[in-house]
Amino acid sequence: MSNQLVTSENNERVKSFFLSLDGLASAMERLFTGKKPTLSGELFYTDDELSEKLKLSRRSLQDYRNEGRIPYIKLGGKILYRSSDIEKLLEDGYRDKFR
């Protein structure tokens, strides 16, 4: 029984293992890129994120806040929107076709 160091340079199985790990790490990075942490399972959007998601200007969001049409949270100088509030607002505003 010989004591020799097994490395990726001298063993194809080790090389294959490390290549698989690299692939797995890349896949996980792609999967979690852009994912935001939640607070008690609730996702919050910033002005920028919500305006992009709804295809509205930030000024329109401000008008909706001022008119009381859209619920929001003001934390310090930051405005946050709860995803469940936005989904409810969209569902309540849904209109079936009339034809």
PDB file of N, CA and C in Angstrom:
ATOM      1  N   MET A   1       0.841  -1.173   0.000  1.00  0.00           N
ATOM      2  CA  MET A   1       0.000   0.000   0.000  1.00  0.00           C
ATOM      3  C   MET A   1       0.890   1.240   0.000  1.00  0.00           C
ATOM      4  N   SER A   2       0.687   2.073  -1.015  1.00  0.00           N
ATOM      5  CA  SER A   2       1.555   3.248  -1.121  1.00  0.00           C
ATOM      6  C   SER A   2       0.807   4.493  -0.672  1.00  0.00           C
ATOM      7  N   ASN A   3       1.555   5.388  -0.129  1.00  0.00           N
ATOM      8  CA  ASN A   3       0.999   6.667   0.310  1.00  0.00           C
ATOM      9  C   ASN A   3       1.322   7.720  -0.736  1.00  0.00           C
ATOM     10  N   GLN A   4       0.378   7.971  -1.616  1.00  0.00           N
ATOM     11  CA  GLN A   4       0.610   9.021  -2.601  1.00  0.00           C
ATOM     12  C   GLN A   4      -0.557  10.002  -2.573  1.00  0.00           C
ATOM     13  N   LEU A   5      -0.243  11.222  -2.842  1.00  0.00           N
ATOM     14  CA  LEU A   5      -1.214  12.298  -2.824  1.00  0.00           C
ATOM     15  C   LEU A   5      -2.064  12.226  -4.088  1.00  0.00           C
ATOM     16  N   VAL A   6      -3.392  12.232  -3.883  1.00  0.00           N
ATOM     17  CA  VAL A   6      -4.305  12.201  -5.012  1.00  0.00           C
ATOM     18  C   VAL A   6      -4.752  13.629  -5.284  1.00  0.00           C
ATOM     19  N   THR A   7      -4.480  14.110  -6.486  1.00  0.00           N
ATOM     20  CA  THR A   7      -4.868  15.466  -6.871  1.00  0.00           C
ATOM     21  C   THR A   7      -5.595  15.411  -8.200  1.00  0.00           C
ATOM     22  N   SER A   8      -6.150  16.539  -8.581  1.00  0.00           N
ATOM     23  CA  SER A   8      -6.864  16.588  -9.857  1.00  0.00           C
ATOM     24  C   SER A   8      -5.898  16.477 -11.039  1.00  0.00           C
ATOM     25  N   GLU A   9      -4.621  16.748 -10.804  1.00  0.00           N
ATOM     26  CA  GLU A   9      -3.650  16.633 -11.888  1.00  0.00           C
ATOM     27  C   GLU A   9      -3.306  15.185 -12.202  1.00  0.00           C
ATOM     28  N   ASN A  10      -3.382  14.314 -11.207  1.00  0.00           N
ATOM     29  CA  ASN A  10      -2.961  12.937 -11.466  1.00  0.00           C
ATOM     30  C   ASN A  10      -4.103  11.926 -11.369  1.00  0.00           C
ATOM     31  N   ASN A  11      -5.366  12.377 -11.207  1.00  0.00           N
ATOM     32  CA  ASN A  11      -6.469  11.435 -11.111  1.00  0.00           C
ATOM     33  C   ASN A  11      -7.701  12.030 -11.809  1.00  0.00           C
ATOM     34  N   GLU A  12      -8.173  11.331 -12.831  1.00  0.00           N
ATOM     35  CA  GLU A  12      -9.314  11.811 -13.618  1.00  0.00           C
ATOM     36  C   GLU A  12     -10.600  11.855 -12.804  1.00  0.00           C
ATOM     37  N   ARG A  13     -10.787  10.933 -11.875  1.00  0.00           N
ATOM     38  CA  ARG A  13     -12.005  10.922 -11.056  1.00  0.00           C
ATOM     39  C   ARG A  13     -12.065  12.154 -10.157  1.00  0.00           C
ATOM     40  N   VAL A  14     -10.930  12.546  -9.608  1.00  0.00           N
ATOM     41  CA  VAL A  14     -10.875  13.737  -8.765  1.00  0.00           C
ATOM     42  C   VAL A  14     -11.127  14.981  -9.619  1.00  0.00           C
ATOM     43  N   LYS A  15     -10.537  15.010 -10.805  1.00  0.00           N
ATOM     44  CA  LYS A  15     -10.736  16.130 -11.718  1.00  0.00           C
ATOM     45  C   LYS A  15     -12.213  16.255 -12.083  1.00  0.00           C
ATOM     46  N   SER A  16     -12.850  15.140 -12.388  1.00  0.00           N
ATOM     47  CA  SER A  16     -14.274  15.128 -12.732  1.00  0.00           C
ATOM     48  C   SER A  16     -15.128  15.602 -11.558  1.00  0.00           C
ATOM     49  N   PHE A  17     -14.765  15.180 -10.351  1.00  0.00           N
ATOM     50  CA  PHE A  17     -15.495  15.594  -9.146  1.00  0.00           C
ATOM     51  C   PHE A  17     -15.442  17.108  -8.965  1.00  0.00           C
ATOM     52  N   PHE A  18     -14.254  17.688  -9.108  1.00  0.00           N
ATOM     53  CA  PHE A  18     -14.113  19.131  -8.938  1.00  0.00           C
ATOM     54  C   PHE A  18     -14.819  19.906 -10.052  1.00  0.00           C
ATOM     55  N   LEU A  19     -14.822  19.381 -11.256  1.00  0.00           N
ATOM     56  CA  LEU A  19     -15.562  20.026 -12.338  1.00  0.00           C
ATOM     57  C   LEU A  19     -17.060  20.000 -12.051  1.00  0.00           C
ATOM     58  N   SER A  20     -17.546  18.889 -11.493  1.00  0.00           N
ATOM     59  CA  SER A  20     -18.959  18.800 -11.114  1.00  0.00           C
ATOM     60  C   SER A  20     -19.298  19.803 -10.026  1.00  0.00           C
ATOM     61  N   LEU A  21     -18.411  19.952  -9.052  1.00  0.00           N
ATOM     62  CA  LEU A  21     -18.634  20.943  -7.992  1.00  0.00           C
ATOM     63  C   LEU A  21     -18.676  22.360  -8.551  1.00  0.00           C
ATOM     64  N   ASP A  22     -17.802  22.663  -9.501  1.00  0.00           N
ATOM     65  CA  ASP A  22     -17.806  23.987 -10.126  1.00  0.00           C
ATOM     66  C   ASP A  22     -19.118  24.235 -10.862  1.00  0.00           C
ATOM     67  N   GLY A  23     -19.590  23.213 -11.563  1.00  0.00           N
ATOM     68  CA  GLY A  23     -20.867  23.329 -12.272  1.00  0.00           C
ATOM     69  C   GLY A  23     -22.026  23.538 -11.322  1.00  0.00           C
ATOM     70  N   LEU A  24     -22.011  22.824 -10.210  1.00  0.00           N
ATOM     71  CA  LEU A  24     -23.056  22.961  -9.198  1.00  0.00           C
ATOM     72  C   LEU A  24     -23.028  24.357  -8.577  1.00  0.00           C
ATOM     73  N   ALA A  25     -21.855  24.861  -8.276  1.00  0.00           N
ATOM     74  CA  ALA A  25     -21.728  26.204  -7.708  1.00  0.00           C
ATOM     75  C   ALA A  25     -22.242  27.260  -8.684  1.00  0.00           C
ATOM     76  N   SER A  26     -21.934  27.104  -9.959  1.00  0.00           N
ATOM     77  CA  SER A  26     -22.419  28.051 -10.970  1.00  0.00           C
ATOM     78  C   SER A  26     -23.938  28.003 -11.087  1.00  0.00           C
ATOM     79  N   ALA A  27     -24.499  26.797 -11.059  1.00  0.00           N
ATOM     80  CA  ALA A  27     -25.956  26.646 -11.141  1.00  0.00           C
ATOM     81  C   ALA A  27     -26.643  27.272  -9.940  1.00  0.00           C
ATOM     82  N   MET A  28     -26.083  27.094  -8.757  1.00  0.00           N
ATOM     83  CA  MET A  28     -26.674  27.685  -7.553  1.00  0.00           C
ATOM     84  C   MET A  28     -26.588  29.208  -7.593  1.00  0.00           C
ATOM     85  N   GLU A  29     -25.494  29.724  -8.097  1.00  0.00           N
ATOM     86  CA  GLU A  29     -25.334  31.175  -8.205  1.00  0.00           C
ATOM     87  C   GLU A  29     -26.380  31.755  -9.152  1.00  0.00           C
ATOM     88  N   ARG A  30     -26.618  31.093 -10.293  1.00  0.00           N
ATOM     89  CA  ARG A  30     -27.642  31.552 -11.236  1.00  0.00           C
ATOM     90  C   ARG A  30     -29.029  31.472 -10.601  1.00  0.00           C
ATOM     91  N   LEU A  31     -29.272  30.428  -9.833  1.00  0.00           N
ATOM     92  CA  LEU A  31     -30.567  30.223  -9.203  1.00  0.00           C
ATOM     93  C   LEU A  31     -30.876  31.297  -8.177  1.00  0.00           C
ATOM     94  N   PHE A  32     -29.883  31.672  -7.391  1.00  0.00           N
ATOM     95  CA  PHE A  32     -30.120  32.612  -6.302  1.00  0.00           C
ATOM     96  C   PHE A  32     -29.804  34.064  -6.642  1.00  0.00           C
ATOM     97  N   THR A  33     -29.302  34.331  -7.823  1.00  0.00           N
ATOM     98  CA  THR A  33     -29.036  35.702  -8.228  1.00  0.00           C
ATOM     99  C   THR A  33     -30.376  36.414  -8.407  1.00  0.00           C
ATOM    100  N   GLY A  34     -30.503  37.549  -7.789  1.00  0.00           N
ATOM    101  CA  GLY A  34     -31.737  38.313  -7.905  1.00  0.00           C
ATOM    102  C   GLY A  34     -32.794  37.926  -6.898  1.00  0.00           C
ATOM    103  N   LYS A  35     -32.561  36.902  -6.121  1.00  0.00           N
ATOM    104  CA  LYS A  35     -33.520  36.512  -5.087  1.00  0.00           C
ATOM    105  C   LYS A  35     -33.313  37.411  -3.883  1.00  0.00           C
ATOM    106  N   LYS A  36     -34.431  37.866  -3.343  1.00  0.00           N
ATOM    107  CA  LYS A  36     -34.362  38.753  -2.190  1.00  0.00           C
ATOM    108  C   LYS A  36     -34.793  37.996  -0.949  1.00  0.00           C
ATOM    109  N   PRO A  37     -34.169  38.290   0.161  1.00  0.00           N
ATOM    110  CA  PRO A  37     -34.622  37.648   1.396  1.00  0.00           C
ATOM    111  C   PRO A  37     -36.003  38.151   1.786  1.00  0.00           C
ATOM    112  N   THR A  38     -36.740  37.327   2.485  1.00  0.00           N
ATOM    113  CA  THR A  38     -38.081  37.699   2.906  1.00  0.00           C
ATOM    114  C   THR A  38     -38.114  37.917   4.407  1.00  0.00           C
ATOM    115  N   LEU A  39     -39.118  38.621   4.858  1.00  0.00           N
ATOM    116  CA  LEU A  39     -39.330  38.860   6.274  1.00  0.00           C
ATOM    117  C   LEU A  39     -40.646  38.178   6.631  1.00  0.00           C
ATOM    118  N   SER A  40     -40.581  37.116   7.410  1.00  0.00           N
ATOM    119  CA  SER A  40     -41.750  36.303   7.764  1.00  0.00           C
ATOM    120  C   SER A  40     -42.480  35.825   6.516  1.00  0.00           C
ATOM    121  N   GLY A  41     -41.736  35.479   5.491  1.00  0.00           N
ATOM    122  CA  GLY A  41     -42.321  34.960   4.261  1.00  0.00           C
ATOM    123  C   GLY A  41     -42.872  36.029   3.343  1.00  0.00           C
ATOM    124  N   GLU A  42     -42.744  37.279   3.712  1.00  0.00           N
ATOM    125  CA  GLU A  42     -43.280  38.387   2.909  1.00  0.00           C
ATOM    126  C   GLU A  42     -42.154  39.063   2.145  1.00  0.00           C
ATOM    127  N   LEU A  43     -42.399  39.327   0.878  1.00  0.00           N
ATOM    128  CA  LEU A  43     -41.425  39.993   0.020  1.00  0.00           C
ATOM    129  C   LEU A  43     -41.790  41.465  -0.073  1.00  0.00           C
ATOM    130  N   PHE A  44     -40.811  42.337  -0.036  1.00  0.00           N
ATOM    131  CA  PHE A  44     -41.038  43.776  -0.128  1.00  0.00           C
ATOM    132  C   PHE A  44     -40.333  44.323  -1.356  1.00  0.00           C
ATOM    133  N   TYR A  45     -40.981  45.300  -2.016  1.00  0.00           N
ATOM    134  CA  TYR A  45     -40.412  45.942  -3.191  1.00  0.00           C
ATOM    135  C   TYR A  45     -40.064  47.396  -2.873  1.00  0.00           C
ATOM    136  N   THR A  46     -39.000  47.866  -3.481  1.00  0.00           N
ATOM    137  CA  THR A  46     -38.660  49.281  -3.411  1.00  0.00           C
ATOM    138  C   THR A  46     -39.392  49.997  -4.542  1.00  0.00           C
ATOM    139  N   ASP A  47     -39.321  51.325  -4.560  1.00  0.00           N
ATOM    140  CA  ASP A  47     -39.922  52.110  -5.641  1.00  0.00           C
ATOM    141  C   ASP A  47     -39.407  51.656  -7.007  1.00  0.00           C
ATOM    142  N   ASP A  48     -38.094  51.541  -7.118  1.00  0.00           N
ATOM    143  CA  ASP A  48     -37.490  51.148  -8.397  1.00  0.00           C
ATOM    144  C   ASP A  48     -37.982  49.781  -8.843  1.00  0.00           C
ATOM    145  N   GLU A  49     -37.973  48.822  -7.931  1.00  0.00           N
ATOM    146  CA  GLU A  49     -38.373  47.457  -8.283  1.00  0.00           C
ATOM    147  C   GLU A  49     -39.839  47.389  -8.694  1.00  0.00           C
ATOM    148  N   LEU A  50     -40.703  48.067  -7.945  1.00  0.00           N
ATOM    149  CA  LEU A  50     -42.129  48.015  -8.249  1.00  0.00           C
ATOM    150  C   LEU A  50     -42.455  48.771  -9.531  1.00  0.00           C
ATOM    151  N   SER A  51     -41.809  49.910  -9.736  1.00  0.00           N
ATOM    152  CA  SER A  51     -42.075  50.654 -10.969  1.00  0.00           C
ATOM    153  C   SER A  51     -41.651  49.840 -12.191  1.00  0.00           C
ATOM    154  N   GLU A  52     -40.551  49.113 -12.079  1.00  0.00           N
ATOM    155  CA  GLU A  52     -40.111  48.259 -13.186  1.00  0.00           C
ATOM    156  C   GLU A  52     -41.071  47.089 -13.379  1.00  0.00           C
ATOM    157  N   LYS A  53     -41.498  46.490 -12.286  1.00  0.00           N
ATOM    158  CA  LYS A  53     -42.377  45.328 -12.349  1.00  0.00           C
ATOM    159  C   LYS A  53     -43.749  45.678 -12.935  1.00  0.00           C
ATOM    160  N   LEU A  54     -44.290  46.839 -12.543  1.00  0.00           N
ATOM    161  CA  LEU A  54     -45.615  47.251 -13.004  1.00  0.00           C
ATOM    162  C   LEU A  54     -45.567  48.123 -14.255  1.00  0.00           C
ATOM    163  N   LYS A  55     -44.365  48.451 -14.706  1.00  0.00           N
ATOM    164  CA  LYS A  55     -44.177  49.329 -15.870  1.00  0.00           C
ATOM    165  C   LYS A  55     -44.844  50.686 -15.637  1.00  0.00           C
ATOM    166  N   LEU A  56     -44.607  51.227 -14.459  1.00  0.00           N
ATOM    167  CA  LEU A  56     -45.085  52.552 -14.076  1.00  0.00           C
ATOM    168  C   LEU A  56     -43.888  53.421 -13.724  1.00  0.00           C
ATOM    169  N   SER A  57     -44.065  54.718 -13.842  1.00  0.00           N
ATOM    170  CA  SER A  57     -42.992  55.604 -13.410  1.00  0.00           C
ATOM    171  C   SER A  57     -43.018  55.709 -11.886  1.00  0.00           C
ATOM    172  N   ARG A  58     -41.905  56.101 -11.323  1.00  0.00           N
ATOM    173  CA  ARG A  58     -41.842  56.304  -9.874  1.00  0.00           C
ATOM    174  C   ARG A  58     -42.761  57.463  -9.473  1.00  0.00           C
ATOM    175  N   ARG A  59     -42.936  58.412 -10.347  1.00  0.00           N
ATOM    176  CA  ARG A  59     -43.834  59.540 -10.091  1.00  0.00           C
ATOM    177  C   ARG A  59     -45.287  59.042  -9.983  1.00  0.00           C
ATOM    178  N   SER A  60     -45.673  58.101 -10.832  1.00  0.00           N
ATOM    179  CA  SER A  60     -47.023  57.533 -10.753  1.00  0.00           C
ATOM    180  C   SER A  60     -47.221  56.816  -9.429  1.00  0.00           C
ATOM    181  N   LEU A  61     -46.205  56.079  -8.990  1.00  0.00           N
ATOM    182  CA  LEU A  61     -46.298  55.418  -7.685  1.00  0.00           C
ATOM    183  C   LEU A  61     -46.469  56.447  -6.577  1.00  0.00           C
ATOM    184  N   GLN A  62     -45.751  57.560  -6.677  1.00  0.00           N
ATOM    185  CA  GLN A  62     -45.876  58.613  -5.670  1.00  0.00           C
ATOM    186  C   GLN A  62     -47.292  59.191  -5.687  1.00  0.00           C
ATOM    187  N   ASP A  63     -47.845  59.403  -6.869  1.00  0.00           N
ATOM    188  CA  ASP A  63     -49.224  59.896  -6.975  1.00  0.00           C
ATOM    189  C   ASP A  63     -50.201  58.910  -6.343  1.00  0.00           C
ATOM    190  N   TYR A  64     -50.010  57.619  -6.610  1.00  0.00           N
ATOM    191  CA  TYR A  64     -50.887  56.593  -6.024  1.00  0.00           C
ATOM    192  C   TYR A  64     -50.789  56.591  -4.503  1.00  0.00           C
ATOM    193  N   ARG A  65     -49.586  56.789  -3.979  1.00  0.00           N
ATOM    194  CA  ARG A  65     -49.411  56.870  -2.517  1.00  0.00           C
ATOM    195  C   ARG A  65     -50.137  58.092  -1.961  1.00  0.00           C
ATOM    196  N   ASN A  66     -49.939  59.241  -2.603  1.00  0.00           N
ATOM    197  CA  ASN A  66     -50.558  60.485  -2.136  1.00  0.00           C
ATOM    198  C   ASN A  66     -52.084  60.406  -2.172  1.00  0.00           C
ATOM    199  N   GLU A  67     -52.626  59.694  -3.158  1.00  0.00           N
ATOM    200  CA  GLU A  67     -54.077  59.548  -3.294  1.00  0.00           C
ATOM    201  C   GLU A  67     -54.631  58.440  -2.401  1.00  0.00           C
ATOM    202  N   GLY A  68     -53.740  57.676  -1.754  1.00  0.00           N
ATOM    203  CA  GLY A  68     -54.185  56.579  -0.902  1.00  0.00           C
ATOM    204  C   GLY A  68     -54.627  55.354  -1.680  1.00  0.00           C
ATOM    205  N   ARG A  69     -54.207  55.244  -2.925  1.00  0.00           N
ATOM    206  CA  ARG A  69     -54.607  54.121  -3.772  1.00  0.00           C
ATOM    207  C   ARG A  69     -53.722  52.901  -3.607  1.00  0.00           C
ATOM    208  N   ILE A  70     -52.516  53.107  -3.099  1.00  0.00           N
ATOM    209  CA  ILE A  70     -51.570  51.991  -2.986  1.00  0.00           C
ATOM    210  C   ILE A  70     -50.976  51.985  -1.573  1.00  0.00           C
ATOM    211  N   PRO A  71     -51.049  50.843  -0.875  1.00  0.00           N
ATOM    212  CA  PRO A  71     -50.477  50.789   0.475  1.00  0.00           C
ATOM    213  C   PRO A  71     -48.950  50.745   0.427  1.00  0.00           C
ATOM    214  N   TYR A  72     -48.332  51.327   1.435  1.00  0.00           N
ATOM    215  CA  TYR A  72     -46.868  51.356   1.488  1.00  0.00           C
ATOM    216  C   TYR A  72     -46.405  51.476   2.934  1.00  0.00           C
ATOM    217  N   ILE A  73     -45.111  51.241   3.102  1.00  0.00           N
ATOM    218  CA  ILE A  73     -44.460  51.381   4.404  1.00  0.00           C
ATOM    219  C   ILE A  73     -43.337  52.387   4.221  1.00  0.00           C
ATOM    220  N   LYS A  74     -43.257  53.358   5.118  1.00  0.00           N
ATOM    221  CA  LYS A  74     -42.149  54.305   5.076  1.00  0.00           C
ATOM    222  C   LYS A  74     -41.238  53.985   6.245  1.00  0.00           C
ATOM    223  N   LEU A  75     -40.041  53.570   5.916  1.00  0.00           N
ATOM    224  CA  LEU A  75     -39.061  53.181   6.920  1.00  0.00           C
ATOM    225  C   LEU A  75     -37.854  54.091   6.752  1.00  0.00           C
ATOM    226  N   GLY A  76     -37.721  55.035   7.656  1.00  0.00           N
ATOM    227  CA  GLY A  76     -36.681  56.045   7.475  1.00  0.00           C
ATOM    228  C   GLY A  76     -37.065  56.871   6.266  1.00  0.00           C
ATOM    229  N   GLY A  77     -36.187  56.976   5.308  1.00  0.00           N
ATOM    230  CA  GLY A  77     -36.494  57.693   4.076  1.00  0.00           C
ATOM    231  C   GLY A  77     -36.833  56.758   2.935  1.00  0.00           C
ATOM    232  N   LYS A  78     -37.001  55.480   3.238  1.00  0.00           N
ATOM    233  CA  LYS A  78     -37.215  54.470   2.208  1.00  0.00           C
ATOM    234  C   LYS A  78     -38.691  54.072   2.154  1.00  0.00           C
ATOM    235  N   ILE A  79     -39.226  53.945   0.955  1.00  0.00           N
ATOM    236  CA  ILE A  79     -40.601  53.496   0.745  1.00  0.00           C
ATOM    237  C   ILE A  79     -40.550  52.032   0.328  1.00  0.00           C
ATOM    238  N   LEU A  80     -41.346  51.206   1.001  1.00  0.00           N
ATOM    239  CA  LEU A  80     -41.430  49.782   0.688  1.00  0.00           C
ATOM    240  C   LEU A  80     -42.881  49.399   0.443  1.00  0.00           C
ATOM    241  N   TYR A  81     -43.068  48.447  -0.458  1.00  0.00           N
ATOM    242  CA  TYR A  81     -44.394  47.940  -0.784  1.00  0.00           C
ATOM    243  C   TYR A  81     -44.424  46.447  -0.501  1.00  0.00           C
ATOM    244  N   ARG A  82     -45.410  45.994   0.227  1.00  0.00           N
ATOM    245  CA  ARG A  82     -45.570  44.574   0.545  1.00  0.00           C
ATOM    246  C   ARG A  82     -46.137  43.867  -0.682  1.00  0.00           C
ATOM    247  N   SER A  83     -45.530  42.758  -1.075  1.00  0.00           N
ATOM    248  CA  SER A  83     -45.966  42.060  -2.282  1.00  0.00           C
ATOM    249  C   SER A  83     -47.415  41.599  -2.186  1.00  0.00           C
ATOM    250  N   SER A  84     -47.857  41.154  -1.011  1.00  0.00           N
ATOM    251  CA  SER A  84     -49.245  40.699  -0.876  1.00  0.00           C
ATOM    252  C   SER A  84     -50.221  41.857  -1.060  1.00  0.00           C
ATOM    253  N   ASP A  85     -49.849  43.069  -0.625  1.00  0.00           N
ATOM    254  CA  ASP A  85     -50.699  44.241  -0.845  1.00  0.00           C
ATOM    255  C   ASP A  85     -50.823  44.562  -2.329  1.00  0.00           C
ATOM    256  N   ILE A  86     -49.713  44.462  -3.036  1.00  0.00           N
ATOM    257  CA  ILE A  86     -49.717  44.760  -4.470  1.00  0.00           C
ATOM    258  C   ILE A  86     -50.546  43.717  -5.220  1.00  0.00           C
ATOM    259  N   GLU A  87     -50.384  42.435  -4.864  1.00  0.00           N
ATOM    260  CA  GLU A  87     -51.169  41.377  -5.514  1.00  0.00           C
ATOM    261  C   GLU A  87     -52.655  41.589  -5.268  1.00  0.00           C
ATOM    262  N   LYS A  88     -53.034  41.943  -4.050  1.00  0.00           N
ATOM    263  CA  LYS A  88     -54.446  42.182  -3.722  1.00  0.00           C
ATOM    264  C   LYS A  88     -54.972  43.369  -4.519  1.00  0.00           C
ATOM    265  N   LEU A  89     -54.185  44.428  -4.600  1.00  0.00           N
ATOM    266  CA  LEU A  89     -54.573  45.610  -5.355  1.00  0.00           C
ATOM    267  C   LEU A  89     -54.818  45.257  -6.822  1.00  0.00           C
ATOM    268  N   LEU A  90     -53.944  44.453  -7.398  1.00  0.00           N
ATOM    269  CA  LEU A  90     -54.101  44.046  -8.799  1.00  0.00           C
ATOM    270  C   LEU A  90     -55.323  43.147  -8.981  1.00  0.00           C
ATOM    271  N   GLU A  91     -55.545  42.228  -8.050  1.00  0.00           N
ATOM    272  CA  GLU A  91     -56.711  41.347  -8.143  1.00  0.00           C
ATOM    273  C   GLU A  91     -58.012  42.136  -8.003  1.00  0.00           C
ATOM    274  N   ASP A  92     -58.039  43.099  -7.082  1.00  0.00           N
ATOM    275  CA  ASP A  92     -59.249  43.915  -6.897  1.00  0.00           C
ATOM    276  C   ASP A  92     -59.533  44.771  -8.123  1.00  0.00           C
ATOM    277  N   GLY A  93     -58.500  45.176  -8.820  1.00  0.00           N
ATOM    278  CA  GLY A  93     -58.664  46.011 -10.015  1.00  0.00           C
ATOM    279  C   GLY A  93     -58.919  45.226 -11.277  1.00  0.00           C
ATOM    280  N   TYR A  94     -58.894  43.906 -11.209  1.00  0.00           N
ATOM    281  CA  TYR A  94     -59.073  43.075 -12.396  1.00  0.00           C
ATOM    282  C   TYR A  94     -60.498  43.178 -12.914  1.00  0.00           C
ATOM    283  N   ARG A  95     -60.653  43.376 -14.190  1.00  0.00           N
ATOM    284  CA  ARG A  95     -61.967  43.436 -14.819  1.00  0.00           C
ATOM    285  C   ARG A  95     -62.017  42.410 -15.926  1.00  0.00           C
ATOM    286  N   ASP A  96     -63.081  41.601 -15.917  1.00  0.00           N
ATOM    287  CA  ASP A  96     -63.288  40.620 -17.000  1.00  0.00           C
ATOM    288  C   ASP A  96     -63.643  41.359 -18.281  1.00  0.00           C
ATOM    289  N   LYS A  97     -63.399  40.688 -19.384  1.00  0.00           N
ATOM    290  CA  LYS A  97     -63.805  41.293 -20.659  1.00  0.00           C
ATOM    291  C   LYS A  97     -65.332  41.343 -20.695  1.00  0.00           C
ATOM    292  N   PHE A  98     -65.880  42.276 -21.426  1.00  0.00           N
ATOM    293  CA  PHE A  98     -67.314  42.477 -21.435  1.00  0.00           C
ATOM    294  C   PHE A  98     -67.989  41.969 -22.689  1.00  0.00           C
ATOM    295  N   ARG A  99     -67.280  41.357 -23.550  1.00  0.00           N
ATOM    296  CA  ARG A  99     -67.884  40.823 -24.787  1.00  0.00           C
ATOM    297  C   ARG A  99     -68.265  39.405 -24.631  1.00  0.00           C
TER     298      ARG A  99
END
